[in-house]
Amino acid sequence: MNDKIIILTGGAGFIGSCFLKKLNDNGIENILIVDNLGKTEKWRNLVGKKYRGYTHKSEFRKQLKQGNFNGSVEAIFHFGACSSTTELDIDYLYQNNALYSQELCGFAIEEGIPFHYASSAATYGAGESGYSDETFDTLKPLNGYGWSKHEFDQWVRKKGFDYKVCGYKFFNVFGPNEYHKGPMT
């Protein structure tokens, strides 16, 4: 029996909670949820799901730096980010969406485990360069969120990581577990 855990960041958000349900449907419950529930209703997305535990993102980062997870993780699914396209605190977006992602990816590479992460179609901007990563160097995101996601995508690309790092560019994701978010106009 494998005692290693799966780390699921953003596990209480829309994509994360839907992915958590899929893991549960496949009999996987040894999952650590990492999120920032704060003063939101996101906790409701965890009701009825099975997982080993929940930890706040800042506590998780401290434990990660202390080496508490060395040798104990099977894979990381990093779906935690500030996805607000109207967020104007660009320093926050860069810290949260680019640097935090680099920290997690670096840990995964050191541990030799798979790292899956949510990028975004917002990296494509208005689409003047198309919607393919073949045009990666000419992409022009239209907002800070898209820029912060593109910054991490560029970091991954420059590092030249192998198959163990996989990004998913989601287009217009919305559904029933998104009630905790504010307007995105």
C-alpha atoms as a PDB file:
ATOM      1  CA  MET A   1       0.000   0.000   0.000  1.00  0.00           C
ATOM      2  CA  ASN A   2       1.269   3.452  -0.927  1.00  0.00           C
ATOM      3  CA  ASP A   3       1.346   5.811   2.080  1.00  0.00           C
ATOM      4  CA  LYS A   4       2.461   8.784   0.039  1.00  0.00           C
ATOM      5  CA  ILE A   5       0.080  11.704  -0.284  1.00  0.00           C
ATOM      6  CA  ILE A   6      -1.173  13.711  -3.201  1.00  0.00           C
ATOM      7  CA  ILE A   7      -0.969  17.453  -2.620  1.00  0.00           C
ATOM      8  CA  LEU A   8      -3.910  19.326  -4.130  1.00  0.00           C
ATOM      9  CA  THR A   9      -3.567  23.097  -3.928  1.00  0.00           C
ATOM     10  CA  GLY A  10      -6.727  25.079  -4.490  1.00  0.00           C
ATOM     11  CA  GLY A  11      -8.622  21.951  -3.468  1.00  0.00           C
ATOM     12  CA  ALA A  12     -11.613  23.956  -2.251  1.00  0.00           C
ATOM     13  CA  GLY A  13     -11.890  26.008  -5.445  1.00  0.00           C
ATOM     14  CA  PHE A  14     -13.905  25.086  -8.522  1.00  0.00           C
ATOM     15  CA  ILE A  15     -11.318  23.093 -10.464  1.00  0.00           C
ATOM     16  CA  GLY A  16      -9.691  21.669  -7.339  1.00  0.00           C
ATOM     17  CA  SER A  17     -12.924  20.470  -5.746  1.00  0.00           C
ATOM     18  CA  CYS A  18     -14.110  18.882  -9.002  1.00  0.00           C
ATOM     19  CA  PHE A  19     -10.737  17.142  -9.335  1.00  0.00           C
ATOM     20  CA  LEU A  20     -10.966  16.024  -5.697  1.00  0.00           C
ATOM     21  CA  LYS A  21     -14.330  14.409  -6.450  1.00  0.00           C
ATOM     22  CA  LYS A  22     -12.810  12.607  -9.438  1.00  0.00           C
ATOM     23  CA  LEU A  23      -9.951  11.326  -7.273  1.00  0.00           C
ATOM     24  CA  ASN A  24     -12.495  10.134  -4.693  1.00  0.00           C
ATOM     25  CA  ASP A  25     -14.550   8.448  -7.434  1.00  0.00           C
ATOM     26  CA  ASN A  26     -11.382   6.493  -8.262  1.00  0.00           C
ATOM     27  CA  GLY A  27     -10.888   5.447  -4.636  1.00  0.00           C
ATOM     28  CA  ILE A  28      -8.121   7.955  -3.874  1.00  0.00           C
ATOM     29  CA  GLU A  29      -8.404   9.639  -0.473  1.00  0.00           C
ATOM     30  CA  ASN A  30      -4.798  10.123   0.689  1.00  0.00           C
ATOM     31  CA  ILE A  31      -4.902  13.774  -0.328  1.00  0.00           C
ATOM     32  CA  LEU A  32      -3.723  16.921   1.442  1.00  0.00           C
ATOM     33  CA  ILE A  33      -5.890  19.912   0.540  1.00  0.00           C
ATOM     34  CA  VAL A  34      -3.987  23.204   0.518  1.00  0.00           C
ATOM     35  CA  ASP A  35      -6.060  26.343   0.192  1.00  0.00           C
ATOM     36  CA  ASN A  36      -6.949  29.674   1.752  1.00  0.00           C
ATOM     37  CA  LEU A  37     -10.562  29.407   2.876  1.00  0.00           C
ATOM     38  CA  GLY A  38     -10.565  32.805   4.570  1.00  0.00           C
ATOM     39  CA  LYS A  39     -13.964  34.440   4.841  1.00  0.00           C
ATOM     40  CA  THR A  40     -15.460  32.613   1.880  1.00  0.00           C
ATOM     41  CA  GLU A  41     -17.926  29.810   1.348  1.00  0.00           C
ATOM     42  CA  LYS A  42     -15.287  27.641  -0.391  1.00  0.00           C
ATOM     43  CA  TRP A  43     -15.313  25.226   2.556  1.00  0.00           C
ATOM     44  CA  ARG A  44     -18.677  24.022   1.223  1.00  0.00           C
ATOM     45  CA  ASN A  45     -16.855  22.504  -1.773  1.00  0.00           C
ATOM     46  CA  LEU A  46     -15.089  20.113   0.609  1.00  0.00           C
ATOM     47  CA  VAL A  47     -18.264  18.796   2.252  1.00  0.00           C
ATOM     48  CA  GLY A  48     -18.827  15.144   1.414  1.00  0.00           C
ATOM     49  CA  LYS A  49     -15.350  14.718  -0.087  1.00  0.00           C
ATOM     50  CA  LYS A  50     -12.685  12.420   1.353  1.00  0.00           C
ATOM     51  CA  TYR A  51      -9.146  13.626   1.991  1.00  0.00           C
ATOM     52  CA  ARG A  52      -6.433  13.182   4.591  1.00  0.00           C
ATOM     53  CA  GLY A  53      -6.473  16.767   5.794  1.00  0.00           C
ATOM     54  CA  TYR A  54      -6.644  20.470   5.060  1.00  0.00           C
ATOM     55  CA  THR A  55      -3.944  23.048   5.665  1.00  0.00           C
ATOM     56  CA  HIS A  56      -3.807  26.756   4.996  1.00  0.00           C
ATOM     57  CA  LYS A  57      -1.470  27.767   2.187  1.00  0.00           C
ATOM     58  CA  SER A  58       0.852  29.814   4.422  1.00  0.00           C
ATOM     59  CA  GLU A  59       1.221  26.955   6.929  1.00  0.00           C
ATOM     60  CA  PHE A  60       1.852  24.525   4.077  1.00  0.00           C
ATOM     61  CA  ARG A  61       4.612  26.744   2.689  1.00  0.00           C
ATOM     62  CA  LYS A  62       6.309  26.849   6.092  1.00  0.00           C
ATOM     63  CA  GLN A  63       6.136  23.062   6.379  1.00  0.00           C
ATOM     64  CA  LEU A  64       7.434  22.667   2.828  1.00  0.00           C
ATOM     65  CA  LYS A  65      10.468  24.840   3.599  1.00  0.00           C
ATOM     66  CA  GLN A  66      11.103  22.864   6.796  1.00  0.00           C
ATOM     67  CA  GLY A  67      11.289  19.647   4.766  1.00  0.00           C
ATOM     68  CA  ASN A  68       8.189  18.108   6.341  1.00  0.00           C
ATOM     69  CA  PHE A  69       7.055  16.634   3.012  1.00  0.00           C
ATOM     70  CA  ASN A  70      10.368  15.284   1.747  1.00  0.00           C
ATOM     71  CA  GLY A  71       9.886  11.720   0.534  1.00  0.00           C
ATOM     72  CA  SER A  72       6.186  11.633   1.402  1.00  0.00           C
ATOM     73  CA  VAL A  73       4.516  13.025  -1.732  1.00  0.00           C
ATOM     74  CA  GLU A  74       3.365  11.037  -4.757  1.00  0.00           C
ATOM     75  CA  ALA A  75       2.354  13.996  -6.954  1.00  0.00           C
ATOM     76  CA  ILE A  76       1.340  17.650  -6.810  1.00  0.00           C
ATOM     77  CA  PHE A  77      -1.738  19.039  -8.530  1.00  0.00           C
ATOM     78  CA  HIS A  78      -1.410  22.806  -8.262  1.00  0.00           C
ATOM     79  CA  PHE A  79      -4.781  24.399  -8.973  1.00  0.00           C
ATOM     80  CA  GLY A  80      -4.469  27.145  -6.360  1.00  0.00           C
ATOM     81  CA  ALA A  81      -4.181  30.694  -7.687  1.00  0.00           C
ATOM     82  CA  CYS A  82      -5.792  34.078  -7.596  1.00  0.00           C
ATOM     83  CA  SER A  83      -7.862  33.820 -10.765  1.00  0.00           C
ATOM     84  CA  SER A  84      -9.484  37.230 -10.552  1.00  0.00           C
ATOM     85  CA  THR A  85      -9.051  38.970 -13.887  1.00  0.00           C
ATOM     86  CA  THR A  86      -9.877  42.280 -12.171  1.00  0.00           C
ATOM     87  CA  GLU A  87      -7.216  42.003  -9.427  1.00  0.00           C
ATOM     88  CA  LEU A  88      -5.027  45.109  -9.602  1.00  0.00           C
ATOM     89  CA  ASP A  89      -2.399  44.160  -7.018  1.00  0.00           C
ATOM     90  CA  ILE A  90       0.168  42.889  -9.507  1.00  0.00           C
ATOM     91  CA  ASP A  91       2.781  42.214  -6.821  1.00  0.00           C
ATOM     92  CA  TYR A  92       0.268  39.919  -5.115  1.00  0.00           C
ATOM     93  CA  LEU A  93      -0.532  38.134  -8.394  1.00  0.00           C
ATOM     94  CA  TYR A  94       3.152  37.634  -9.133  1.00  0.00           C
ATOM     95  CA  GLN A  95       3.885  36.325  -5.617  1.00  0.00           C
ATOM     96  CA  ASN A  96       0.826  34.080  -5.537  1.00  0.00           C
ATOM     97  CA  ASN A  97       0.607  32.834  -9.118  1.00  0.00           C
ATOM     98  CA  ALA A  98       4.209  32.816 -10.321  1.00  0.00           C
ATOM     99  CA  LEU A  99       6.612  32.580  -7.356  1.00  0.00           C
ATOM    100  CA  TYR A 100       4.475  30.180  -5.289  1.00  0.00           C
ATOM    101  CA  SER A 101       4.160  27.976  -8.380  1.00  0.00           C
ATOM    102  CA  GLN A 102       7.946  28.056  -8.850  1.00  0.00           C
ATOM    103  CA  GLU A 103       8.413  27.009  -5.237  1.00  0.00           C
ATOM    104  CA  LEU A 104       6.059  24.025  -5.622  1.00  0.00           C
ATOM    105  CA  CYS A 105       7.442  22.985  -8.998  1.00  0.00           C
ATOM    106  CA  GLY A 106      10.997  23.191  -7.674  1.00  0.00           C
ATOM    107  CA  PHE A 107      10.047  20.899  -4.796  1.00  0.00           C
ATOM    108  CA  ALA A 108       8.430  18.414  -7.197  1.00  0.00           C
ATOM    109  CA  ILE A 109      11.500  18.364  -9.449  1.00  0.00           C
ATOM    110  CA  GLU A 110      13.813  17.822  -6.456  1.00  0.00           C
ATOM    111  CA  GLU A 111      11.592  14.983  -5.257  1.00  0.00           C
ATOM    112  CA  GLY A 112      11.299  13.462  -8.753  1.00  0.00           C
ATOM    113  CA  ILE A 113       7.488  13.527  -8.657  1.00  0.00           C
ATOM    114  CA  PRO A 114       4.920  14.723 -11.225  1.00  0.00           C
ATOM    115  CA  PHE A 115       3.812  18.362 -11.080  1.00  0.00           C
ATOM    116  CA  HIS A 116       0.527  19.266 -12.785  1.00  0.00           C
ATOM    117  CA  TYR A 117      -0.574  22.890 -12.747  1.00  0.00           C
ATOM    118  CA  ALA A 118      -3.329  25.147 -13.970  1.00  0.00           C
ATOM    119  CA  SER A 119      -2.153  27.730 -16.424  1.00  0.00           C
ATOM    120  CA  SER A 120      -4.779  29.776 -18.213  1.00  0.00           C
ATOM    121  CA  ALA A 121      -6.029  30.727 -21.636  1.00  0.00           C
ATOM    122  CA  ALA A 122      -5.702  34.299 -20.313  1.00  0.00           C
ATOM    123  CA  THR A 123      -2.038  33.970 -21.311  1.00  0.00           C
ATOM    124  CA  TYR A 124      -3.138  34.189 -24.972  1.00  0.00           C
ATOM    125  CA  GLY A 125      -4.505  37.707 -24.550  1.00  0.00           C
ATOM    126  CA  ALA A 126      -6.847  38.782 -27.349  1.00  0.00           C
ATOM    127  CA  GLY A 127      -5.630  35.936 -29.518  1.00  0.00           C
ATOM    128  CA  GLU A 128      -3.680  38.059 -31.999  1.00  0.00           C
ATOM    129  CA  SER A 129      -0.933  35.415 -31.881  1.00  0.00           C
ATOM    130  CA  GLY A 130      -3.382  32.535 -31.986  1.00  0.00           C
ATOM    131  CA  TYR A 131      -4.197  29.991 -29.334  1.00  0.00           C
ATOM    132  CA  SER A 132      -1.217  27.727 -29.604  1.00  0.00           C
ATOM    133  CA  ASP A 133       1.933  27.539 -27.566  1.00  0.00           C
ATOM    134  CA  GLU A 134       3.818  27.487 -30.863  1.00  0.00           C
ATOM    135  CA  THR A 135       3.473  31.289 -30.606  1.00  0.00           C
ATOM    136  CA  PHE A 136       4.545  31.316 -26.960  1.00  0.00           C
ATOM    137  CA  ASP A 137       7.075  34.134 -27.248  1.00  0.00           C
ATOM    138  CA  THR A 138       4.580  36.530 -28.837  1.00  0.00           C
ATOM    139  CA  LEU A 139       1.694  36.094 -26.375  1.00  0.00           C
ATOM    140  CA  LYS A 140       0.317  39.328 -24.884  1.00  0.00           C
ATOM    141  CA  PRO A 141      -1.899  38.774 -21.833  1.00  0.00           C
ATOM    142  CA  LEU A 142      -4.526  41.474 -21.283  1.00  0.00           C
ATOM    143  CA  ASN A 143      -4.586  41.532 -17.482  1.00  0.00           C
ATOM    144  CA  GLY A 144      -2.380  40.935 -14.458  1.00  0.00           C
ATOM    145  CA  TYR A 145      -3.809  37.478 -13.904  1.00  0.00           C
ATOM    146  CA  GLY A 146      -2.907  36.347 -17.434  1.00  0.00           C
ATOM    147  CA  TRP A 147       0.527  37.957 -17.138  1.00  0.00           C
ATOM    148  CA  SER A 148       1.262  36.203 -13.823  1.00  0.00           C
ATOM    149  CA  LYS A 149       0.294  32.828 -15.304  1.00  0.00           C
ATOM    150  CA  HIS A 150       2.408  33.518 -18.410  1.00  0.00           C
ATOM    151  CA  GLU A 151       5.373  34.396 -16.189  1.00  0.00           C
ATOM    152  CA  PHE A 152       5.231  30.933 -14.627  1.00  0.00           C
ATOM    153  CA  ASP A 153       4.720  29.228 -18.002  1.00  0.00           C
ATOM    154  CA  GLN A 154       7.828  31.044 -19.263  1.00  0.00           C
ATOM    155  CA  TRP A 155       9.812  29.955 -16.200  1.00  0.00           C
ATOM    156  CA  VAL A 156       8.843  26.319 -16.805  1.00  0.00           C
ATOM    157  CA  ARG A 157       9.718  26.591 -20.472  1.00  0.00           C
ATOM    158  CA  LYS A 158      13.134  28.160 -19.779  1.00  0.00           C
ATOM    159  CA  LYS A 159      13.946  25.428 -17.276  1.00  0.00           C
ATOM    160  CA  GLY A 160      13.214  22.794 -19.918  1.00  0.00           C
ATOM    161  CA  PHE A 161      11.536  20.379 -17.519  1.00  0.00           C
ATOM    162  CA  ASP A 162      10.668  16.950 -18.850  1.00  0.00           C
ATOM    163  CA  TYR A 163       7.382  15.079 -18.851  1.00  0.00           C
ATOM    164  CA  LYS A 164       6.983  15.342 -15.079  1.00  0.00           C
ATOM    165  CA  VAL A 165       5.741  18.942 -15.416  1.00  0.00           C
ATOM    166  CA  CYS A 166       2.426  19.466 -17.180  1.00  0.00           C
ATOM    167  CA  GLY A 167       0.428  22.678 -17.494  1.00  0.00           C
ATOM    168  CA  TYR A 168      -3.228  22.904 -18.487  1.00  0.00           C
ATOM    169  CA  LYS A 169      -4.561  26.048 -20.142  1.00  0.00           C
ATOM    170  CA  PHE A 170      -8.187  26.230 -19.096  1.00  0.00           C
ATOM    171  CA  PHE A 171     -10.620  28.345 -21.125  1.00  0.00           C
ATOM    172  CA  ASN A 172     -13.540  30.074 -19.335  1.00  0.00           C
ATOM    173  CA  VAL A 173     -13.958  27.649 -16.475  1.00  0.00           C
ATOM    174  CA  PHE A 174     -17.131  28.193 -14.488  1.00  0.00           C
ATOM    175  CA  GLY A 175     -19.635  26.016 -12.695  1.00  0.00           C
ATOM    176  CA  PRO A 176     -21.629  25.298  -9.564  1.00  0.00           C
ATOM    177  CA  ASN A 177     -18.643  25.394  -7.170  1.00  0.00           C
ATOM    178  CA  GLU A 178     -17.718  28.976  -8.103  1.00  0.00           C
ATOM    179  CA  TYR A 179     -20.331  30.752  -5.953  1.00  0.00           C
ATOM    180  CA  HIS A 180     -17.598  32.068  -3.633  1.00  0.00           C
ATOM    181  CA  LYS A 181     -16.093  34.333  -6.297  1.00  0.00           C
ATOM    182  CA  GLY A 182     -16.903  37.933  -6.960  1.00  0.00           C
ATOM    183  CA  PRO A 183     -17.478  39.558 -10.357  1.00  0.00           C
ATOM    184  CA  MET A 184     -14.921  38.914 -13.104  1.00  0.00           C
ATOM    185  CA  THR A 185     -15.839  41.740 -15.480  1.00  0.00           C
END
